[in-house]
Amino acid sequence: MYLTITTTQTPATDLGYLLHKRPGKLHTIALSFGQAHVFYPEASDTRCTAALMLEVDPIELVAPTDLTALQPSPNHDLTLLTCYPFHYIAPAPMRFVVFARKITPTPNSHPN
């Protein structure tokens, strides 16, 4: 899975500098739980996208009171949590949880 953020505010490559990285190259950042790999599949003055590569683990549906999904785990680096069913306007009866791990990109593993 690619987790991305894009801007079209000119000059768009300022996004890379806001993230303290040069958009023209792959970056590996040391974090307390391992390494993150950030790259820029698109970097021009008019449009810039920063991307983080993740491997998604199986999802879970949990009760709103079940906080175990929010506990740190050596098996995942990122937890995304939202209400389920997705179309609910009022407080939803379940929570949709996605766990993900960073993966190491290779030179050919991301779009040009």
PDB file of N, CA and C in Angstrom:
ATOM      1  N   MET A   1       0.847  -1.162   0.000  1.00  0.00           N
ATOM      2  CA  MET A   1       0.000   0.000   0.000  1.00  0.00           C
ATOM      3  C   MET A   1       0.894   1.225   0.000  1.00  0.00           C
ATOM      4  N   TYR A   2       0.522   2.196  -0.798  1.00  0.00           N
ATOM      5  CA  TYR A   2       1.191   3.489  -0.779  1.00  0.00           C
ATOM      6  C   TYR A   2       0.369   4.447   0.070  1.00  0.00           C
ATOM      7  N   LEU A   3       1.005   5.084   1.025  1.00  0.00           N
ATOM      8  CA  LEU A   3       0.384   6.149   1.787  1.00  0.00           C
ATOM      9  C   LEU A   3       0.976   7.427   1.223  1.00  0.00           C
ATOM     10  N   THR A   4       0.144   8.281   0.626  1.00  0.00           N
ATOM     11  CA  THR A   4       0.672   9.449  -0.078  1.00  0.00           C
ATOM     12  C   THR A   4       0.025  10.751   0.386  1.00  0.00           C
ATOM     13  N   ILE A   5       0.750  11.822   0.131  1.00  0.00           N
ATOM     14  CA  ILE A   5       0.232  13.176   0.308  1.00  0.00           C
ATOM     15  C   ILE A   5       0.702  13.962  -0.917  1.00  0.00           C
ATOM     16  N   THR A   6      -0.222  14.747  -1.506  1.00  0.00           N
ATOM     17  CA  THR A   6       0.070  15.477  -2.738  1.00  0.00           C
ATOM     18  C   THR A   6      -0.309  16.940  -2.564  1.00  0.00           C
ATOM     19  N   THR A   7       0.477  17.803  -3.182  1.00  0.00           N
ATOM     20  CA  THR A   7       0.129  19.222  -3.227  1.00  0.00           C
ATOM     21  C   THR A   7       0.270  19.724  -4.656  1.00  0.00           C
ATOM     22  N   THR A   8      -0.553  20.731  -4.989  1.00  0.00           N
ATOM     23  CA  THR A   8      -0.451  21.415  -6.277  1.00  0.00           C
ATOM     24  C   THR A   8      -0.191  22.906  -6.060  1.00  0.00           C
ATOM     25  N   GLN A   9       0.095  23.273  -4.816  1.00  0.00           N
ATOM     26  CA  GLN A   9       0.422  24.666  -4.487  1.00  0.00           C
ATOM     27  C   GLN A   9       1.816  24.971  -5.026  1.00  0.00           C
ATOM     28  N   THR A  10       1.952  25.980  -5.852  1.00  0.00           N
ATOM     29  CA  THR A  10       3.228  26.309  -6.489  1.00  0.00           C
ATOM     30  C   THR A  10       4.151  27.055  -5.535  1.00  0.00           C
ATOM     31  N   PRO A  11       5.435  26.730  -5.456  1.00  0.00           N
ATOM     32  CA  PRO A  11       6.108  25.582  -6.070  1.00  0.00           C
ATOM     33  C   PRO A  11       5.832  24.310  -5.266  1.00  0.00           C
ATOM     34  N   ALA A  12       5.329  23.305  -5.931  1.00  0.00           N
ATOM     35  CA  ALA A  12       4.878  22.086  -5.271  1.00  0.00           C
ATOM     36  C   ALA A  12       6.003  21.324  -4.594  1.00  0.00           C
ATOM     37  N   THR A  13       7.218  21.435  -5.111  1.00  0.00           N
ATOM     38  CA  THR A  13       8.332  20.699  -4.500  1.00  0.00           C
ATOM     39  C   THR A  13       8.670  21.203  -3.103  1.00  0.00           C
ATOM     40  N   ASP A  14       8.062  22.300  -2.687  1.00  0.00           N
ATOM     41  CA  ASP A  14       8.233  22.742  -1.301  1.00  0.00           C
ATOM     42  C   ASP A  14       7.735  21.684  -0.321  1.00  0.00           C
ATOM     43  N   LEU A  15       6.807  20.807  -0.755  1.00  0.00           N
ATOM     44  CA  LEU A  15       6.334  19.715   0.090  1.00  0.00           C
ATOM     45  C   LEU A  15       7.509  18.880   0.584  1.00  0.00           C
ATOM     46  N   GLY A  16       8.424  18.571  -0.298  1.00  0.00           N
ATOM     47  CA  GLY A  16       9.600  17.792   0.089  1.00  0.00           C
ATOM     48  C   GLY A  16      10.438  18.505   1.133  1.00  0.00           C
ATOM     49  N   TYR A  17      10.579  19.797   0.982  1.00  0.00           N
ATOM     50  CA  TYR A  17      11.363  20.551   1.942  1.00  0.00           C
ATOM     51  C   TYR A  17      10.634  20.711   3.272  1.00  0.00           C
ATOM     52  N   LEU A  18       9.282  20.764   3.227  1.00  0.00           N
ATOM     53  CA  LEU A  18       8.515  20.775   4.468  1.00  0.00           C
ATOM     54  C   LEU A  18       8.722  19.478   5.238  1.00  0.00           C
ATOM     55  N   LEU A  19       8.894  18.382   4.501  1.00  0.00           N
ATOM     56  CA  LEU A  19       9.163  17.081   5.120  1.00  0.00           C
ATOM     57  C   LEU A  19      10.657  16.887   5.378  1.00  0.00           C
ATOM     58  N   HIS A  20      11.437  17.946   5.147  1.00  0.00           N
ATOM     59  CA  HIS A  20      12.883  17.956   5.389  1.00  0.00           C
ATOM     60  C   HIS A  20      13.634  16.967   4.511  1.00  0.00           C
ATOM     61  N   LYS A  21      13.136  16.756   3.303  1.00  0.00           N
ATOM     62  CA  LYS A  21      13.773  15.825   2.375  1.00  0.00           C
ATOM     63  C   LYS A  21      13.831  16.429   0.990  1.00  0.00           C
ATOM     64  N   ARG A  22      14.853  16.047   0.235  1.00  0.00           N
ATOM     65  CA  ARG A  22      14.948  16.475  -1.155  1.00  0.00           C
ATOM     66  C   ARG A  22      14.063  15.563  -2.003  1.00  0.00           C
ATOM     67  N   PRO A  23      13.109  16.110  -2.755  1.00  0.00           N
ATOM     68  CA  PRO A  23      12.175  15.291  -3.518  1.00  0.00           C
ATOM     69  C   PRO A  23      12.802  14.438  -4.612  1.00  0.00           C
ATOM     70  N   GLY A  24      14.004  14.718  -5.009  1.00  0.00           N
ATOM     71  CA  GLY A  24      14.605  13.982  -6.109  1.00  0.00           C
ATOM     72  C   GLY A  24      15.186  12.629  -5.767  1.00  0.00           C
ATOM     73  N   LYS A  25      15.107  12.189  -4.509  1.00  0.00           N
ATOM     74  CA  LYS A  25      15.743  10.915  -4.164  1.00  0.00           C
ATOM     75  C   LYS A  25      14.959  10.147  -3.111  1.00  0.00           C
ATOM     76  N   LEU A  26      15.278   8.856  -2.983  1.00  0.00           N
ATOM     77  CA  LEU A  26      14.690   7.973  -1.977  1.00  0.00           C
ATOM     78  C   LEU A  26      15.331   8.280  -0.631  1.00  0.00           C
ATOM     79  N   HIS A  27      14.528   8.270   0.429  1.00  0.00           N
ATOM     80  CA  HIS A  27      15.037   8.580   1.760  1.00  0.00           C
ATOM     81  C   HIS A  27      14.702   7.457   2.724  1.00  0.00           C
ATOM     82  N   THR A  28      15.656   7.099   3.539  1.00  0.00           N
ATOM     83  CA  THR A  28      15.439   6.140   4.605  1.00  0.00           C
ATOM     84  C   THR A  28      15.654   6.887   5.910  1.00  0.00           C
ATOM     85  N   ILE A  29      14.657   6.831   6.789  1.00  0.00           N
ATOM     86  CA  ILE A  29      14.681   7.589   8.033  1.00  0.00           C
ATOM     87  C   ILE A  29      14.679   6.619   9.196  1.00  0.00           C
ATOM     88  N   ALA A  30      15.632   6.764  10.105  1.00  0.00           N
ATOM     89  CA  ALA A  30      15.681   5.915  11.297  1.00  0.00           C
ATOM     90  C   ALA A  30      14.667   6.419  12.316  1.00  0.00           C
ATOM     91  N   LEU A  31      13.820   5.515  12.784  1.00  0.00           N
ATOM     92  CA  LEU A  31      12.825   5.832  13.799  1.00  0.00           C
ATOM     93  C   LEU A  31      13.004   4.887  14.982  1.00  0.00           C
ATOM     94  N   SER A  32      12.336   5.147  16.079  1.00  0.00           N
ATOM     95  CA  SER A  32      12.496   4.321  17.269  1.00  0.00           C
ATOM     96  C   SER A  32      12.048   2.875  17.040  1.00  0.00           C
ATOM     97  N   PHE A  33      11.140   2.640  16.071  1.00  0.00           N
ATOM     98  CA  PHE A  33      10.632   1.289  15.819  1.00  0.00           C
ATOM     99  C   PHE A  33      11.202   0.670  14.552  1.00  0.00           C
ATOM    100  N   GLY A  34      12.186   1.310  13.923  1.00  0.00           N
ATOM    101  CA  GLY A  34      12.776   0.770  12.699  1.00  0.00           C
ATOM    102  C   GLY A  34      13.076   1.883  11.720  1.00  0.00           C
ATOM    103  N   GLN A  35      12.885   1.603  10.441  1.00  0.00           N
ATOM    104  CA  GLN A  35      13.163   2.570   9.395  1.00  0.00           C
ATOM    105  C   GLN A  35      11.914   2.839   8.568  1.00  0.00           C
ATOM    106  N   ALA A  36      11.781   4.069   8.116  1.00  0.00           N
ATOM    107  CA  ALA A  36      10.709   4.442   7.190  1.00  0.00           C
ATOM    108  C   ALA A  36      11.355   4.783   5.858  1.00  0.00           C
ATOM    109  N   HIS A  37      10.709   4.401   4.774  1.00  0.00           N
ATOM    110  CA  HIS A  37      11.223   4.665   3.433  1.00  0.00           C
ATOM    111  C   HIS A  37      10.253   5.604   2.726  1.00  0.00           C
ATOM    112  N   VAL A  38      10.729   6.801   2.407  1.00  0.00           N
ATOM    113  CA  VAL A  38       9.918   7.826   1.772  1.00  0.00           C
ATOM    114  C   VAL A  38      10.500   8.125   0.404  1.00  0.00           C
ATOM    115  N   PHE A  39       9.628   8.216  -0.600  1.00  0.00           N
ATOM    116  CA  PHE A  39      10.083   8.603  -1.926  1.00  0.00           C
ATOM    117  C   PHE A  39       9.043   9.519  -2.552  1.00  0.00           C
ATOM    118  N   TYR A  40       9.390  10.094  -3.675  1.00  0.00           N
ATOM    119  CA  TYR A  40       8.549  11.071  -4.350  1.00  0.00           C
ATOM    120  C   TYR A  40       8.288  10.588  -5.777  1.00  0.00           C
ATOM    121  N   PRO A  41       7.166   9.883  -6.020  1.00  0.00           N
ATOM    122  CA  PRO A  41       6.890   9.389  -7.365  1.00  0.00           C
ATOM    123  C   PRO A  41       6.620  10.507  -8.367  1.00  0.00           C
ATOM    124  N   GLU A  42       6.326  11.689  -7.858  1.00  0.00           N
ATOM    125  CA  GLU A  42       6.025  12.834  -8.713  1.00  0.00           C
ATOM    126  C   GLU A  42       6.563  14.075  -8.016  1.00  0.00           C
ATOM    127  N   ALA A  43       7.436  14.824  -8.710  1.00  0.00           N
ATOM    128  CA  ALA A  43       7.986  16.042  -8.109  1.00  0.00           C
ATOM    129  C   ALA A  43       8.273  17.065  -9.192  1.00  0.00           C
ATOM    130  N   SER A  44       7.373  18.031  -9.334  1.00  0.00           N
ATOM    131  CA  SER A  44       7.570  19.138 -10.269  1.00  0.00           C
ATOM    132  C   SER A  44       7.116  20.414  -9.585  1.00  0.00           C
ATOM    133  N   ASP A  45       7.310  21.533 -10.236  1.00  0.00           N
ATOM    134  CA  ASP A  45       6.882  22.806  -9.646  1.00  0.00           C
ATOM    135  C   ASP A  45       5.372  22.896  -9.491  1.00  0.00           C
ATOM    136  N   THR A  46       4.615  22.132 -10.307  1.00  0.00           N
ATOM    137  CA  THR A  46       3.160  22.233 -10.268  1.00  0.00           C
ATOM    138  C   THR A  46       2.480  21.124  -9.474  1.00  0.00           C
ATOM    139  N   ARG A  47       3.184  20.000  -9.214  1.00  0.00           N
ATOM    140  CA  ARG A  47       2.568  18.890  -8.471  1.00  0.00           C
ATOM    141  C   ARG A  47       3.671  18.045  -7.841  1.00  0.00           C
ATOM    142  N   CYS A  48       3.509  17.752  -6.537  1.00  0.00           N
ATOM    143  CA  CYS A  48       4.491  16.934  -5.830  1.00  0.00           C
ATOM    144  C   CYS A  48       3.756  15.943  -4.926  1.00  0.00           C
ATOM    145  N   THR A  49       4.190  14.678  -4.941  1.00  0.00           N
ATOM    146  CA  THR A  49       3.609  13.632  -4.115  1.00  0.00           C
ATOM    147  C   THR A  49       4.710  12.958  -3.306  1.00  0.00           C
ATOM    148  N   ALA A  50       4.515  12.876  -1.997  1.00  0.00           N
ATOM    149  CA  ALA A  50       5.409  12.125  -1.120  1.00  0.00           C
ATOM    150  C   ALA A  50       4.709  10.809  -0.802  1.00  0.00           C
ATOM    151  N   ALA A  51       5.458   9.689  -0.787  1.00  0.00           N
ATOM    152  CA  ALA A  51       4.857   8.368  -0.572  1.00  0.00           C
ATOM    153  C   ALA A  51       5.645   7.569   0.455  1.00  0.00           C
ATOM    154  N   LEU A  52       4.916   6.752   1.210  1.00  0.00           N
ATOM    155  CA  LEU A  52       5.489   5.813   2.170  1.00  0.00           C
ATOM    156  C   LEU A  52       4.959   4.446   1.789  1.00  0.00           C
ATOM    157  N   MET A  53       5.838   3.460   1.611  1.00  0.00           N
ATOM    158  CA  MET A  53       5.395   2.120   1.236  1.00  0.00           C
ATOM    159  C   MET A  53       5.111   1.292   2.478  1.00  0.00           C
ATOM    160  N   LEU A  54       3.946   0.630   2.486  1.00  0.00           N
ATOM    161  CA  LEU A  54       3.526  -0.192   3.608  1.00  0.00           C
ATOM    162  C   LEU A  54       2.981  -1.522   3.116  1.00  0.00           C
ATOM    163  N   GLU A  55       3.174  -2.567   3.890  1.00  0.00           N
ATOM    164  CA  GLU A  55       2.544  -3.847   3.634  1.00  0.00           C
ATOM    165  C   GLU A  55       1.372  -3.959   4.600  1.00  0.00           C
ATOM    166  N   VAL A  56       0.170  -4.180   4.061  1.00  0.00           N
ATOM    167  CA  VAL A  56      -1.029  -4.202   4.889  1.00  0.00           C
ATOM    168  C   VAL A  56      -1.288  -5.612   5.401  1.00  0.00           C
ATOM    169  N   ASP A  57      -1.523  -5.720   6.696  1.00  0.00           N
ATOM    170  CA  ASP A  57      -1.886  -6.981   7.333  1.00  0.00           C
ATOM    171  C   ASP A  57      -3.400  -7.143   7.277  1.00  0.00           C
ATOM    172  N   PRO A  58      -3.916  -8.304   7.645  1.00  0.00           N
ATOM    173  CA  PRO A  58      -5.373  -8.479   7.663  1.00  0.00           C
ATOM    174  C   PRO A  58      -6.052  -7.420   8.535  1.00  0.00           C
ATOM    175  N   ILE A  59      -7.273  -7.083   8.148  1.00  0.00           N
ATOM    176  CA  ILE A  59      -8.058  -6.088   8.889  1.00  0.00           C
ATOM    177  C   ILE A  59      -8.841  -6.764   9.999  1.00  0.00           C
ATOM    178  N   GLU A  60      -9.380  -5.956  10.897  1.00  0.00           N
ATOM    179  CA  GLU A  60     -10.232  -6.461  11.969  1.00  0.00           C
ATOM    180  C   GLU A  60     -11.435  -5.548  12.125  1.00  0.00           C
ATOM    181  N   LEU A  61     -12.518  -6.111  12.581  1.00  0.00           N
ATOM    182  CA  LEU A  61     -13.676  -5.343  13.038  1.00  0.00           C
ATOM    183  C   LEU A  61     -13.748  -5.549  14.535  1.00  0.00           C
ATOM    184  N   VAL A  62     -13.797  -4.451  15.291  1.00  0.00           N
ATOM    185  CA  VAL A  62     -13.824  -4.552  16.752  1.00  0.00           C
ATOM    186  C   VAL A  62     -14.916  -3.661  17.308  1.00  0.00           C
ATOM    187  N   ALA A  63     -15.321  -3.940  18.532  1.00  0.00           N
ATOM    188  CA  ALA A  63     -16.298  -3.103  19.232  1.00  0.00           C
ATOM    189  C   ALA A  63     -15.647  -1.766  19.595  1.00  0.00           C
ATOM    190  N   PRO A  64     -16.425  -0.704  19.690  1.00  0.00           N
ATOM    191  CA  PRO A  64     -15.867   0.606  20.043  1.00  0.00           C
ATOM    192  C   PRO A  64     -15.130   0.616  21.386  1.00  0.00           C
ATOM    193  N   THR A  65     -15.507  -0.279  22.274  1.00  0.00           N
ATOM    194  CA  THR A  65     -14.868  -0.333  23.592  1.00  0.00           C
ATOM    195  C   THR A  65     -13.604  -1.185  23.615  1.00  0.00           C
ATOM    196  N   ASP A  66     -13.315  -1.903  22.512  1.00  0.00           N
ATOM    197  CA  ASP A  66     -12.133  -2.768  22.434  1.00  0.00           C
ATOM    198  C   ASP A  66     -10.923  -1.922  22.031  1.00  0.00           C
ATOM    199  N   LEU A  67     -10.066  -1.633  22.986  1.00  0.00           N
ATOM    200  CA  LEU A  67      -8.901  -0.774  22.735  1.00  0.00           C
ATOM    201  C   LEU A  67      -7.630  -1.567  22.458  1.00  0.00           C
ATOM    202  N   THR A  68      -7.729  -2.882  22.352  1.00  0.00           N
ATOM    203  CA  THR A  68      -6.526  -3.698  22.126  1.00  0.00           C
ATOM    204  C   THR A  68      -5.857  -3.366  20.795  1.00  0.00           C
ATOM    205  N   ALA A  69      -6.627  -2.938  19.807  1.00  0.00           N
ATOM    206  CA  ALA A  69      -6.046  -2.592  18.504  1.00  0.00           C
ATOM    207  C   ALA A  69      -5.128  -1.384  18.590  1.00  0.00           C
ATOM    208  N   LEU A  70      -5.283  -0.585  19.617  1.00  0.00           N
ATOM    209  CA  LEU A  70      -4.462   0.618  19.768  1.00  0.00           C
ATOM    210  C   LEU A  70      -3.186   0.377  20.561  1.00  0.00           C
ATOM    211  N   GLN A  71      -3.000  -0.823  21.057  1.00  0.00           N
ATOM    212  CA  GLN A  71      -1.809  -1.145  21.838  1.00  0.00           C
ATOM    213  C   GLN A  71      -0.604  -1.322  20.909  1.00  0.00           C
ATOM    214  N   PRO A  72       0.584  -0.867  21.310  1.00  0.00           N
ATOM    215  CA  PRO A  72       1.786  -1.074  20.496  1.00  0.00           C
ATOM    216  C   PRO A  72       2.024  -2.567  20.260  1.00  0.00           C
ATOM    217  N   SER A  73       2.555  -2.873  19.096  1.00  0.00           N
ATOM    218  CA  SER A  73       2.834  -4.255  18.747  1.00  0.00           C
ATOM    219  C   SER A  73       4.099  -4.332  17.901  1.00  0.00           C
ATOM    220  N   PRO A  74       4.933  -5.347  18.121  1.00  0.00           N
ATOM    221  CA  PRO A  74       6.112  -5.509  17.273  1.00  0.00           C
ATOM    222  C   PRO A  74       5.740  -6.002  15.876  1.00  0.00           C
ATOM    223  N   ASN A  75       4.477  -6.372  15.666  1.00  0.00           N
ATOM    224  CA  ASN A  75       4.045  -6.929  14.389  1.00  0.00           C
ATOM    225  C   ASN A  75       3.552  -5.894  13.381  1.00  0.00           C
ATOM    226  N   HIS A  76       3.349  -4.645  13.813  1.00  0.00           N
ATOM    227  CA  HIS A  76       2.918  -3.616  12.874  1.00  0.00           C
ATOM    228  C   HIS A  76       3.471  -2.256  13.289  1.00  0.00           C
ATOM    229  N   ASP A  77       3.597  -1.379  12.293  1.00  0.00           N
ATOM    230  CA  ASP A  77       4.165  -0.049  12.505  1.00  0.00           C
ATOM    231  C   ASP A  77       3.119   1.056  12.450  1.00  0.00           C
ATOM    232  N   LEU A  78       1.960   0.752  11.880  1.00  0.00           N
ATOM    233  CA  LEU A  78       0.928   1.763  11.690  1.00  0.00           C
ATOM    234  C   LEU A  78      -0.435   1.130  11.919  1.00  0.00           C
ATOM    235  N   THR A  79      -1.309   1.833  12.619  1.00  0.00           N
ATOM    236  CA  THR A  79      -2.677   1.381  12.830  1.00  0.00           C
ATOM    237  C   THR A  79      -3.628   2.458  12.336  1.00  0.00           C
ATOM    238  N   LEU A  80      -4.534   2.084  11.428  1.00  0.00           N
ATOM    239  CA  LEU A  80      -5.567   2.991  10.937  1.00  0.00           C
ATOM    240  C   LEU A  80      -6.893   2.506  11.503  1.00  0.00           C
ATOM    241  N   LEU A  81      -7.656   3.408  12.088  1.00  0.00           N
ATOM    242  CA  LEU A  81      -8.903   3.043  12.749  1.00  0.00           C
ATOM    243  C   LEU A  81      -9.992   4.010  12.315  1.00  0.00           C
ATOM    244  N   THR A  82     -11.179   3.481  11.954  1.00  0.00           N
ATOM    245  CA  THR A  82     -12.308   4.330  11.582  1.00  0.00           C
ATOM    246  C   THR A  82     -13.607   3.637  11.966  1.00  0.00           C
ATOM    247  N   CYS A  83     -14.700   4.383  11.927  1.00  0.00           N
ATOM    248  CA  CYS A  83     -16.012   3.828  12.270  1.00  0.00           C
ATOM    249  C   CYS A  83     -16.499   2.888  11.167  1.00  0.00           C
ATOM    250  N   TYR A  84     -17.293   1.877  11.565  1.00  0.00           N
ATOM    251  CA  TYR A  84     -17.855   0.915  10.623  1.00  0.00           C
ATOM    252  C   TYR A  84     -19.262   0.560  11.061  1.00  0.00           C
ATOM    253  N   PRO A  85     -20.217   0.461  10.167  1.00  0.00           N
ATOM    254  CA  PRO A  85     -20.152   0.641   8.718  1.00  0.00           C
ATOM    255  C   PRO A  85     -19.773   2.079   8.338  1.00  0.00           C
ATOM    256  N   PHE A  86     -19.122   2.205   7.201  1.00  0.00           N
ATOM    257  CA  PHE A  86     -18.568   3.486   6.781  1.00  0.00           C
ATOM    258  C   PHE A  86     -19.630   4.548   6.551  1.00  0.00           C
ATOM    259  N   HIS A  87     -20.828   4.162   6.174  1.00  0.00           N
ATOM    260  CA  HIS A  87     -21.881   5.131   5.832  1.00  0.00           C
ATOM    261  C   HIS A  87     -22.633   5.667   7.052  1.00  0.00           C
ATOM    262  N   TYR A  88     -22.327   5.186   8.251  1.00  0.00           N
ATOM    263  CA  TYR A  88     -23.047   5.631   9.447  1.00  0.00           C
ATOM    264  C   TYR A  88     -22.853   7.119   9.692  1.00  0.00           C
ATOM    265  N   ILE A  89     -23.927   7.798  10.050  1.00  0.00           N
ATOM    266  CA  ILE A  89     -23.851   9.209  10.432  1.00  0.00           C
ATOM    267  C   ILE A  89     -23.720   9.316  11.950  1.00  0.00           C
ATOM    268  N   ALA A  90     -24.499   8.553  12.684  1.00  0.00           N
ATOM    269  CA  ALA A  90     -24.437   8.535  14.152  1.00  0.00           C
ATOM    270  C   ALA A  90     -23.275   7.649  14.598  1.00  0.00           C
ATOM    271  N   PRO A  91     -23.026   7.554  15.898  1.00  0.00           N
ATOM    272  CA  PRO A  91     -21.952   6.671  16.367  1.00  0.00           C
ATOM    273  C   PRO A  91     -22.140   5.243  15.833  1.00  0.00           C
ATOM    274  N   ALA A  92     -21.133   4.740  15.157  1.00  0.00           N
ATOM    275  CA  ALA A  92     -21.209   3.424  14.521  1.00  0.00           C
ATOM    276  C   ALA A  92     -21.018   2.306  15.548  1.00  0.00           C
ATOM    277  N   PRO A  93     -21.596   1.136  15.284  1.00  0.00           N
ATOM    278  CA  PRO A  93     -21.525   0.035  16.242  1.00  0.00           C
ATOM    279  C   PRO A  93     -20.190  -0.709  16.252  1.00  0.00           C
ATOM    280  N   MET A  94     -19.364  -0.515  15.234  1.00  0.00           N
ATOM    281  CA  MET A  94     -18.087  -1.244  15.155  1.00  0.00           C
ATOM    282  C   MET A  94     -16.975  -0.291  14.733  1.00  0.00           C
ATOM    283  N   ARG A  95     -15.739  -0.783  14.835  1.00  0.00           N
ATOM    284  CA  ARG A  95     -14.575  -0.045  14.360  1.00  0.00           C
ATOM    285  C   ARG A  95     -13.834  -0.929  13.360  1.00  0.00           C
ATOM    286  N   PHE A  96     -13.414  -0.323  12.253  1.00  0.00           N
ATOM    287  CA  PHE A  96     -12.671  -0.986  11.187  1.00  0.00           C
ATOM    288  C   PHE A  96     -11.195  -0.674  11.439  1.00  0.00           C
ATOM    289  N   VAL A  97     -10.366  -1.698  11.575  1.00  0.00           N
ATOM    290  CA  VAL A  97      -8.963  -1.515  11.929  1.00  0.00           C
ATOM    291  C   VAL A  97      -8.075  -2.132  10.847  1.00  0.00           C
ATOM    292  N   VAL A  98      -7.083  -1.374  10.389  1.00  0.00           N
ATOM    293  CA  VAL A  98      -6.097  -1.864   9.426  1.00  0.00           C
ATOM    294  C   VAL A  98      -4.724  -1.738  10.074  1.00  0.00           C
ATOM    295  N   PHE A  99      -3.969  -2.823  10.060  1.00  0.00           N
ATOM    296  CA  PHE A  99      -2.600  -2.821  10.561  1.00  0.00           C
ATOM    297  C   PHE A  99      -1.658  -2.868   9.355  1.00  0.00           C
ATOM    298  N   ALA A 100      -0.537  -2.155   9.452  1.00  0.00           N
ATOM    299  CA  ALA A 100       0.401  -2.136   8.329  1.00  0.00           C
ATOM    300  C   ALA A 100       1.832  -2.160   8.839  1.00  0.00           C
ATOM    301  N   ARG A 101       2.720  -2.645   7.972  1.00  0.00           N
ATOM    302  CA  ARG A 101       4.166  -2.671   8.239  1.00  0.00           C
ATOM    303  C   ARG A 101       4.875  -1.954   7.104  1.00  0.00           C
ATOM    304  N   LYS A 102       5.972  -1.303   7.435  1.00  0.00           N
ATOM    305  CA  LYS A 102       6.801  -0.691   6.404  1.00  0.00           C
ATOM    306  C   LYS A 102       7.479  -1.800   5.625  1.00  0.00           C
ATOM    307  N   ILE A 103       7.704  -1.568   4.331  1.00  0.00           N
ATOM    308  CA  ILE A 103       8.492  -2.492   3.533  1.00  0.00           C
ATOM    309  C   ILE A 103       9.612  -1.716   2.884  1.00  0.00           C
ATOM    310  N   THR A 104      10.697  -2.386   2.599  1.00  0.00           N
ATOM    311  CA  THR A 104      11.850  -1.725   1.991  1.00  0.00           C
ATOM    312  C   THR A 104      11.658  -1.682   0.488  1.00  0.00           C
ATOM    313  N   PRO A 105      11.595  -0.480  -0.088  1.00  0.00           N
ATOM    314  CA  PRO A 105      11.424  -0.383  -1.540  1.00  0.00           C
ATOM    315  C   PRO A 105      12.708  -0.733  -2.271  1.00  0.00           C
ATOM    316  N   THR A 106      12.540  -1.271  -3.445  1.00  0.00           N
ATOM    317  CA  THR A 106      13.678  -1.505  -4.339  1.00  0.00           C
ATOM    318  C   THR A 106      13.594  -0.461  -5.440  1.00  0.00           C
ATOM    319  N   PRO A 107      14.649  -0.263  -6.243  1.00  0.00           N
ATOM    320  CA  PRO A 107      14.600   0.787  -7.264  1.00  0.00           C
ATOM    321  C   PRO A 107      13.418   0.655  -8.226  1.00  0.00           C
ATOM    322  N   ASN A 108      12.915  -0.560  -8.459  1.00  0.00           N
ATOM    323  CA  ASN A 108      11.817  -0.748  -9.410  1.00  0.00           C
ATOM    324  C   ASN A 108      10.467  -0.963  -8.738  1.00  0.00           C
ATOM    325  N   SER A 109      10.345  -0.749  -7.428  1.00  0.00           N
ATOM    326  CA  SER A 109       9.102  -1.074  -6.726  1.00  0.00           C
ATOM    327  C   SER A 109       8.119   0.080  -6.633  1.00  0.00           C
ATOM    328  N   HIS A 110       8.446   1.238  -7.151  1.00  0.00           N
ATOM    329  CA  HIS A 110       7.488   2.341  -7.102  1.00  0.00           C
ATOM    330  C   HIS A 110       7.322   2.939  -8.490  1.00  0.00           C
ATOM    331  N   PRO A 111       6.157   3.574  -8.747  1.00  0.00           N
ATOM    332  CA  PRO A 111       5.889   4.128 -10.076  1.00  0.00           C
ATOM    333  C   PRO A 111       6.805   5.289 -10.373  1.00  0.00           C
ATOM    334  N   ASN A 112       7.065   5.494 -11.661  1.00  0.00           N
ATOM    335  CA  ASN A 112       7.918   6.629 -12.098  1.00  0.00           C
ATOM    336  C   ASN A 112       7.148   7.910 -12.090  1.00  0.00           C
TER     337      ASN A 112
END
